[in-house]
């Protein structure tokens, strides 16, 4: 379990750095994270959730962000959330289960909002400037998984 968690965290950090620099989350990171989450939870004795909860996590994680983006697009005629963010949340759901989606998304949104306000105030950004969301999802996904690992013990 520790090897999987370590690799998972390293990939989330890597994805976050790419997102901060390029404003995108590459499929070559997000898609293997989705598949590995299901495989880990299916075959590991120290899994984080059942296979069904992992699959539901994929659907809810991806579907929720896609729904939000579609609603935003209907209102503004602009895309607000990238496909990579939705795939990253699907990967988080695949590893941690659907129950982790809502708290991680909630805390990531709050932190993203606060950081956005600070950047607008001090860096003179406007509401038109994009802010990558992947790092905020990754921060709370890492906190969530580390909490689970620390509570589980050796």
Protein backbone atom coordinates (compact mmCIF):
# COMPACT_ATOMS: atom_id res chain seq x y z
CA UNK A 1 0.00 0.00 0.00
CA UNK A 2 2.81 2.44 0.86
CA UNK A 3 4.41 2.07 -2.57
CA UNK A 4 1.08 2.73 -4.29
CA UNK A 5 0.37 5.79 -2.11
CA UNK A 6 3.87 7.16 -2.69
CA UNK A 7 3.63 6.77 -6.47
CA UNK A 8 0.08 8.22 -6.42
CA UNK A 9 1.22 11.31 -4.50
CA UNK A 10 4.27 11.80 -6.74
CA UNK A 11 2.03 11.64 -9.82
CA UNK A 12 -0.44 14.13 -8.30
CA UNK A 13 2.40 16.54 -7.54
CA UNK A 14 3.79 16.09 -11.04
CA UNK A 15 0.35 16.65 -12.58
CA UNK A 16 -0.08 19.77 -10.45
CA UNK A 17 3.23 21.21 -11.59
CA UNK A 18 2.28 20.60 -15.22
CA UNK A 19 -1.13 22.19 -14.64
CA UNK A 20 0.44 25.26 -13.03
CA UNK A 21 2.84 25.69 -15.95
CA UNK A 22 0.71 24.63 -18.95
CA UNK A 23 -2.89 24.90 -17.68
CA UNK A 24 -3.58 21.28 -18.58
CA UNK A 25 -3.56 17.87 -16.97
CA UNK A 26 -2.18 15.29 -19.41
CA UNK A 27 -4.02 12.05 -20.11
CA UNK A 28 -0.79 10.10 -19.68
CA UNK A 29 -1.04 10.89 -15.96
CA UNK A 30 -4.78 11.01 -15.31
CA UNK A 31 -5.90 7.92 -17.24
CA UNK A 32 -3.36 5.53 -15.64
CA UNK A 33 -4.35 6.95 -12.23
CA UNK A 34 -7.97 6.04 -12.96
CA UNK A 35 -7.10 2.49 -14.05
CA UNK A 36 -4.63 1.93 -11.20
CA UNK A 37 -7.20 3.10 -8.64
CA UNK A 38 -9.68 0.46 -9.76
CA UNK A 39 -6.99 -2.24 -9.95
CA UNK A 40 -5.60 -1.34 -6.52
CA UNK A 41 -9.02 -1.39 -4.86
CA UNK A 42 -9.98 -4.62 -6.59
CA UNK A 43 -6.88 -6.66 -5.82
CA UNK A 44 -5.26 -5.11 -2.73
CA UNK A 45 -6.01 -6.41 0.73
CA UNK A 46 -5.38 -2.86 2.04
CA UNK A 47 -7.76 -1.18 -0.38
CA UNK A 48 -9.38 2.19 0.29
CA UNK A 49 -12.82 1.21 -0.99
CA UNK A 50 -14.66 -1.54 -2.83
CA UNK A 51 -14.47 -1.92 -6.58
CA UNK A 52 -18.06 -0.71 -6.88
CA UNK A 53 -17.26 2.42 -4.83
CA UNK A 54 -14.20 3.06 -7.02
CA UNK A 55 -16.26 2.76 -10.22
CA UNK A 56 -18.94 5.01 -8.77
CA UNK A 57 -16.16 7.44 -7.79
CA UNK A 58 -15.04 7.60 -11.42
CA UNK A 59 -18.55 8.32 -12.66
CA UNK A 60 -19.37 10.90 -9.99
CA UNK A 61 -15.94 12.58 -10.11
CA UNK A 62 -15.91 12.93 -13.87
CA UNK A 63 -19.62 13.54 -14.28
CA UNK A 64 -19.89 16.20 -11.60
CA UNK A 65 -17.19 18.42 -13.06
CA UNK A 66 -18.46 17.91 -16.60
CA UNK A 67 -21.96 18.90 -15.45
CA UNK A 68 -20.64 22.04 -13.75
CA UNK A 69 -18.67 22.93 -16.89
CA UNK A 70 -21.69 22.41 -19.14
CA UNK A 71 -23.85 24.63 -16.92
CA UNK A 72 -21.14 27.29 -16.88
CA UNK A 73 -20.84 27.08 -20.67
CA UNK A 74 -24.60 27.51 -21.12
CA UNK A 75 -24.46 30.70 -19.06
CA UNK A 76 -21.19 32.27 -20.24
CA UNK A 77 -20.51 30.58 -23.61
CA UNK A 78 -17.00 29.83 -22.26
CA UNK A 79 -15.49 26.70 -20.77
CA UNK A 80 -14.61 27.02 -17.11
CA UNK A 81 -13.27 23.60 -16.15
CA UNK A 82 -11.02 21.48 -18.28
CA UNK A 83 -11.44 17.83 -19.14
CA UNK A 84 -8.20 17.15 -17.27
CA UNK A 85 -9.70 18.38 -14.01
CA UNK A 86 -12.66 16.05 -14.50
CA UNK A 87 -10.33 13.12 -15.25
CA UNK A 88 -8.22 13.96 -12.20
CA UNK A 89 -11.30 13.95 -9.98
CA UNK A 90 -12.30 10.64 -11.59
CA UNK A 91 -8.85 9.27 -10.66
CA UNK A 92 -9.31 10.50 -7.11
CA UNK A 93 -12.70 8.77 -7.00
CA UNK A 94 -11.19 5.57 -8.44
CA UNK A 95 -8.62 5.43 -5.67
CA UNK A 96 -10.49 6.84 -2.68
CA UNK A 97 -14.08 5.99 -3.60
CA UNK A 98 -17.09 8.15 -4.31
CA UNK A 99 -17.33 9.22 -0.65
CA UNK A 100 -14.08 11.22 -1.00
CA UNK A 101 -15.29 13.22 -4.01
CA UNK A 102 -17.51 15.70 -2.19
CA UNK A 103 -15.20 16.77 0.67
CA UNK A 104 -12.18 17.00 -1.65
CA UNK A 105 -14.12 18.99 -4.24
CA UNK A 106 -15.59 21.27 -1.57
CA UNK A 107 -12.25 22.06 0.12
CA UNK A 108 -10.45 22.43 -3.24
CA UNK A 109 -13.12 24.87 -4.43
CA UNK A 110 -12.90 26.94 -1.27
CA UNK A 111 -9.10 27.10 -1.41
CA UNK A 112 -9.18 27.88 -5.14
CA UNK A 113 -11.66 30.69 -4.51
CA UNK A 114 -9.50 32.17 -1.74
CA UNK A 115 -6.32 31.94 -3.81
CA UNK A 116 -8.16 33.47 -6.77
CA UNK A 117 -9.31 36.42 -4.67
CA UNK A 118 -5.80 36.94 -3.34
CA UNK A 119 -4.33 36.83 -6.86
CA UNK A 120 -6.93 39.27 -8.11
CA UNK A 121 -6.24 41.65 -5.24
CA UNK A 122 -2.43 41.56 -5.23
CA UNK A 123 -1.49 40.54 -8.76
CA UNK A 124 -4.22 42.52 -10.46
CA UNK A 125 -5.62 39.48 -12.25
CA UNK A 126 -9.15 39.68 -13.54
CA UNK A 127 -11.95 37.17 -13.44
CA UNK A 128 -11.01 36.34 -17.04
CA UNK A 129 -7.64 34.89 -16.06
CA UNK A 130 -7.64 31.10 -15.71
CA UNK A 131 -6.39 29.51 -12.51
CA UNK A 132 -5.49 25.82 -12.67
CA UNK A 133 -7.77 23.72 -10.46
CA UNK A 134 -5.74 20.50 -10.50
CA UNK A 135 -3.31 21.58 -7.78
CA UNK A 136 -6.18 22.32 -5.38
CA UNK A 137 -7.75 18.92 -6.05
CA UNK A 138 -4.34 17.29 -5.59
CA UNK A 139 -3.62 19.02 -2.27
CA UNK A 140 -6.80 17.72 -0.67
CA UNK A 141 -6.59 14.30 -2.32
CA UNK A 142 -3.10 13.89 -0.86
CA UNK A 143 -4.31 15.05 2.56
CA UNK A 144 -7.25 12.62 2.34
CA UNK A 145 -5.12 9.62 1.37
CA UNK A 146 -2.42 10.41 3.94
CA UNK A 147 -5.10 10.65 6.61
CA UNK A 148 -6.43 7.23 5.59
CA UNK A 149 -2.93 5.70 5.58
CA UNK A 150 -1.99 7.22 8.94
CA UNK A 151 -5.27 6.09 10.51
CA UNK A 152 -4.82 2.58 9.11
CA UNK A 153 -1.37 2.23 10.65
CA UNK A 154 1.34 -0.23 9.57
